């Protein structure tokens, strides 16, 4: 396994660890946009 593969594997592990939080944040952002349609259109 070369350095690039190792880095990619650890990156995937980090992503797996933090994915739920990121999904929750994006869901909150989507909800906020849905609550204010005018803001959603400009983005």
PDB file of N, CA and C in Angstrom:
ATOM      1  N   UNK A   1       0.852  -1.198   0.000  1.00  0.00           N
ATOM      2  CA  UNK A   1       0.000   0.000   0.000  1.00  0.00           C
ATOM      3  C   UNK A   1       0.890   1.251   0.000  1.00  0.00           C
ATOM      4  N   UNK A   2       0.703   2.112  -0.957  1.00  0.00           N
ATOM      5  CA  UNK A   2       1.541   3.311  -0.982  1.00  0.00           C
ATOM      6  C   UNK A   2       0.919   4.418  -0.114  1.00  0.00           C
ATOM      7  N   UNK A   3       1.647   5.525   0.035  1.00  0.00           N
ATOM      8  CA  UNK A   3       1.188   6.611   0.906  1.00  0.00           C
ATOM      9  C   UNK A   3      -0.170   7.153   0.505  1.00  0.00           C
ATOM     10  N   UNK A   4      -0.411   7.257  -0.804  1.00  0.00           N
ATOM     11  CA  UNK A   4      -1.683   7.798  -1.274  1.00  0.00           C
ATOM     12  C   UNK A   4      -2.867   6.943  -0.841  1.00  0.00           C
ATOM     13  N   UNK A   5      -2.689   5.607  -0.940  1.00  0.00           N
ATOM     14  CA  UNK A   5      -3.769   4.699  -0.525  1.00  0.00           C
ATOM     15  C   UNK A   5      -4.040   4.819   0.972  1.00  0.00           C
ATOM     16  N   UNK A   6      -2.968   4.919   1.755  1.00  0.00           N
ATOM     17  CA  UNK A   6      -3.122   5.030   3.208  1.00  0.00           C
ATOM     18  C   UNK A   6      -3.858   6.325   3.558  1.00  0.00           C
ATOM     19  N   UNK A   7      -3.467   7.403   2.902  1.00  0.00           N
ATOM     20  CA  UNK A   7      -4.109   8.697   3.161  1.00  0.00           C
ATOM     21  C   UNK A   7      -5.584   8.637   2.769  1.00  0.00           C
ATOM     22  N   UNK A   8      -5.856   7.979   1.646  1.00  0.00           N
ATOM     23  CA  UNK A   8      -7.239   7.883   1.181  1.00  0.00           C
ATOM     24  C   UNK A   8      -8.074   7.061   2.166  1.00  0.00           C
ATOM     25  N   UNK A   9      -7.475   5.976   2.683  1.00  0.00           N
ATOM     26  CA  UNK A   9      -8.187   5.118   3.627  1.00  0.00           C
ATOM     27  C   UNK A   9      -8.504   5.882   4.908  1.00  0.00           C
ATOM     28  N   UNK A  10      -7.534   6.650   5.419  1.00  0.00           N
ATOM     29  CA  UNK A  10      -7.766   7.398   6.656  1.00  0.00           C
ATOM     30  C   UNK A  10      -8.770   8.521   6.410  1.00  0.00           C
ATOM     31  N   UNK A  11      -8.729   9.105   5.218  1.00  0.00           N
ATOM     32  CA  UNK A  11      -9.696  10.150   4.867  1.00  0.00           C
ATOM     33  C   UNK A  11     -11.105   9.579   4.852  1.00  0.00           C
ATOM     34  N   UNK A  12     -11.254   8.411   4.261  1.00  0.00           N
ATOM     35  CA  UNK A  12     -12.566   7.761   4.216  1.00  0.00           C
ATOM     36  C   UNK A  12     -13.053   7.460   5.625  1.00  0.00           C
ATOM     37  N   UNK A  13     -12.128   7.074   6.509  1.00  0.00           N
ATOM     38  CA  UNK A  13     -12.486   6.789   7.905  1.00  0.00           C
ATOM     39  C   UNK A  13     -12.978   8.066   8.586  1.00  0.00           C
ATOM     40  N   UNK A  14     -12.267   9.165   8.378  1.00  0.00           N
ATOM     41  CA  UNK A  14     -12.676  10.444   8.962  1.00  0.00           C
ATOM     42  C   UNK A  14     -14.050  10.845   8.436  1.00  0.00           C
ATOM     43  N   UNK A  15     -14.245  10.662   7.137  1.00  0.00           N
ATOM     44  CA  UNK A  15     -15.520  11.019   6.522  1.00  0.00           C
ATOM     45  C   UNK A  15     -16.645  10.204   7.151  1.00  0.00           C
ATOM     46  N   UNK A  16     -16.373   8.913   7.372  1.00  0.00           N
ATOM     47  CA  UNK A  16     -17.371   8.039   7.983  1.00  0.00           C
ATOM     48  C   UNK A  16     -17.719   8.487   9.392  1.00  0.00           C
ATOM     49  N   UNK A  17     -16.713   8.987  10.103  1.00  0.00           N
ATOM     50  CA  UNK A  17     -16.927   9.434  11.475  1.00  0.00           C
ATOM     51  C   UNK A  17     -17.772  10.699  11.527  1.00  0.00           C
ATOM     52  N   UNK A  18     -17.500  11.609  10.607  1.00  0.00           N
ATOM     53  CA  UNK A  18     -18.149  12.914  10.662  1.00  0.00           C
ATOM     54  C   UNK A  18     -19.351  13.073   9.738  1.00  0.00           C
ATOM     55  N   UNK A  19     -19.626  12.068   8.925  1.00  0.00           N
ATOM     56  CA  UNK A  19     -20.733  12.168   7.976  1.00  0.00           C
ATOM     57  C   UNK A  19     -22.068  12.505   8.656  1.00  0.00           C
ATOM     58  N   UNK A  20     -22.445  11.823   9.745  1.00  0.00           N
ATOM     59  CA  UNK A  20     -23.753  12.122  10.366  1.00  0.00           C
ATOM     60  C   UNK A  20     -23.899  13.591  10.742  1.00  0.00           C
ATOM     61  N   UNK A  21     -22.821  14.176  11.289  1.00  0.00           N
ATOM     62  CA  UNK A  21     -22.877  15.581  11.681  1.00  0.00           C
ATOM     63  C   UNK A  21     -23.056  16.476  10.455  1.00  0.00           C
ATOM     64  N   UNK A  22     -22.319  16.137   9.375  1.00  0.00           N
ATOM     65  CA  UNK A  22     -22.397  16.942   8.160  1.00  0.00           C
ATOM     66  C   UNK A  22     -23.800  16.841   7.562  1.00  0.00           C
ATOM     67  N   UNK A  23     -24.371  15.633   7.575  1.00  0.00           N
ATOM     68  CA  UNK A  23     -25.719  15.429   7.040  1.00  0.00           C
ATOM     69  C   UNK A  23     -26.727  16.241   7.849  1.00  0.00           C
ATOM     70  N   UNK A  24     -26.554  16.233   9.165  1.00  0.00           N
ATOM     71  CA  UNK A  24     -27.462  16.992  10.030  1.00  0.00           C
ATOM     72  C   UNK A  24     -27.359  18.488   9.731  1.00  0.00           C
ATOM     73  N   UNK A  25     -26.130  18.963   9.521  1.00  0.00           N
ATOM     74  CA  UNK A  25     -25.937  20.382   9.215  1.00  0.00           C
ATOM     75  C   UNK A  25     -26.601  20.755   7.898  1.00  0.00           C
ATOM     76  N   UNK A  26     -26.407  19.930   6.862  1.00  0.00           N
ATOM     77  CA  UNK A  26     -26.998  20.240   5.565  1.00  0.00           C
ATOM     78  C   UNK A  26     -28.519  20.153   5.632  1.00  0.00           C
ATOM     79  N   UNK A  27     -29.033  19.195   6.411  1.00  0.00           N
ATOM     80  CA  UNK A  27     -30.485  19.074   6.566  1.00  0.00           C
ATOM     81  C   UNK A  27     -31.048  20.324   7.228  1.00  0.00           C
ATOM     82  N   UNK A  28     -30.314  20.834   8.224  1.00  0.00           N
ATOM     83  CA  UNK A  28     -30.743  22.054   8.903  1.00  0.00           C
ATOM     84  C   UNK A  28     -30.713  23.234   7.932  1.00  0.00           C
ATOM     85  N   UNK A  29     -29.680  23.291   7.094  1.00  0.00           N
ATOM     86  CA  UNK A  29     -29.573  24.374   6.114  1.00  0.00           C
ATOM     87  C   UNK A  29     -30.722  24.308   5.110  1.00  0.00           C
ATOM     88  N   UNK A  30     -31.056  23.101   4.673  1.00  0.00           N
ATOM     89  CA  UNK A  30     -32.164  22.923   3.730  1.00  0.00           C
ATOM     90  C   UNK A  30     -33.478  23.360   4.373  1.00  0.00           C
ATOM     91  N   UNK A  31     -33.661  22.987   5.646  1.00  0.00           N
ATOM     92  CA  UNK A  31     -34.883  23.367   6.355  1.00  0.00           C
ATOM     93  C   UNK A  31     -34.978  24.886   6.470  1.00  0.00           C
ATOM     94  N   UNK A  32     -33.844  25.509   6.765  1.00  0.00           N
ATOM     95  CA  UNK A  32     -33.818  26.966   6.895  1.00  0.00           C
ATOM     96  C   UNK A  32     -34.172  27.619   5.556  1.00  0.00           C
ATOM     97  N   UNK A  33     -33.642  27.039   4.467  1.00  0.00           N
ATOM     98  CA  UNK A  33     -33.920  27.578   3.140  1.00  0.00           C
ATOM     99  C   UNK A  33     -35.401  27.400   2.797  1.00  0.00           C
ATOM    100  N   UNK A  34     -35.944  26.241   3.167  1.00  0.00           N
ATOM    101  CA  UNK A  34     -37.357  25.961   2.880  1.00  0.00           C
ATOM    102  C   UNK A  34     -38.260  26.906   3.668  1.00  0.00           C
ATOM    103  N   UNK A  35     -37.816  27.280   4.873  1.00  0.00           N
ATOM    104  CA  UNK A  35     -38.616  28.176   5.714  1.00  0.00           C
ATOM    105  C   UNK A  35     -38.663  29.579   5.105  1.00  0.00           C
ATOM    106  N   UNK A  36     -37.602  29.939   4.357  1.00  0.00           N
ATOM    107  CA  UNK A  36     -37.566  31.264   3.734  1.00  0.00           C
ATOM    108  C   UNK A  36     -37.377  31.090   2.224  1.00  0.00           C
ATOM    109  N   UNK A  37     -38.451  30.889   1.472  1.00  0.00           N
ATOM    110  CA  UNK A  37     -38.360  30.598   0.033  1.00  0.00           C
ATOM    111  C   UNK A  37     -37.581  31.649  -0.756  1.00  0.00           C
ATOM    112  N   UNK A  38     -37.715  32.909  -0.393  1.00  0.00           N
ATOM    113  CA  UNK A  38     -37.022  33.961  -1.141  1.00  0.00           C
ATOM    114  C   UNK A  38     -35.507  33.790  -1.033  1.00  0.00           C
ATOM    115  N   UNK A  39     -35.057  33.371   0.143  1.00  0.00           N
ATOM    116  CA  UNK A  39     -33.629  33.119   0.340  1.00  0.00           C
ATOM    117  C   UNK A  39     -33.196  31.913  -0.491  1.00  0.00           C
ATOM    118  N   UNK A  40     -34.014  30.864  -0.520  1.00  0.00           N
ATOM    119  CA  UNK A  40     -33.691  29.664  -1.267  1.00  0.00           C
ATOM    120  C   UNK A  40     -33.517  29.932  -2.755  1.00  0.00           C
ATOM    121  N   UNK A  41     -34.347  30.841  -3.289  1.00  0.00           N
ATOM    122  CA  UNK A  41     -34.246  31.138  -4.720  1.00  0.00           C
ATOM    123  C   UNK A  41     -32.950  31.859  -5.061  1.00  0.00           C
ATOM    124  N   UNK A  42     -32.481  32.725  -4.176  1.00  0.00           N
ATOM    125  CA  UNK A  42     -31.272  33.496  -4.474  1.00  0.00           C
ATOM    126  C   UNK A  42     -30.013  32.639  -4.389  1.00  0.00           C
ATOM    127  N   UNK A  43     -30.076  31.542  -3.638  1.00  0.00           N
ATOM    128  CA  UNK A  43     -28.890  30.692  -3.483  1.00  0.00           C
ATOM    129  C   UNK A  43     -28.752  29.760  -4.683  1.00  0.00           C
TER     130      UNK A  43
END
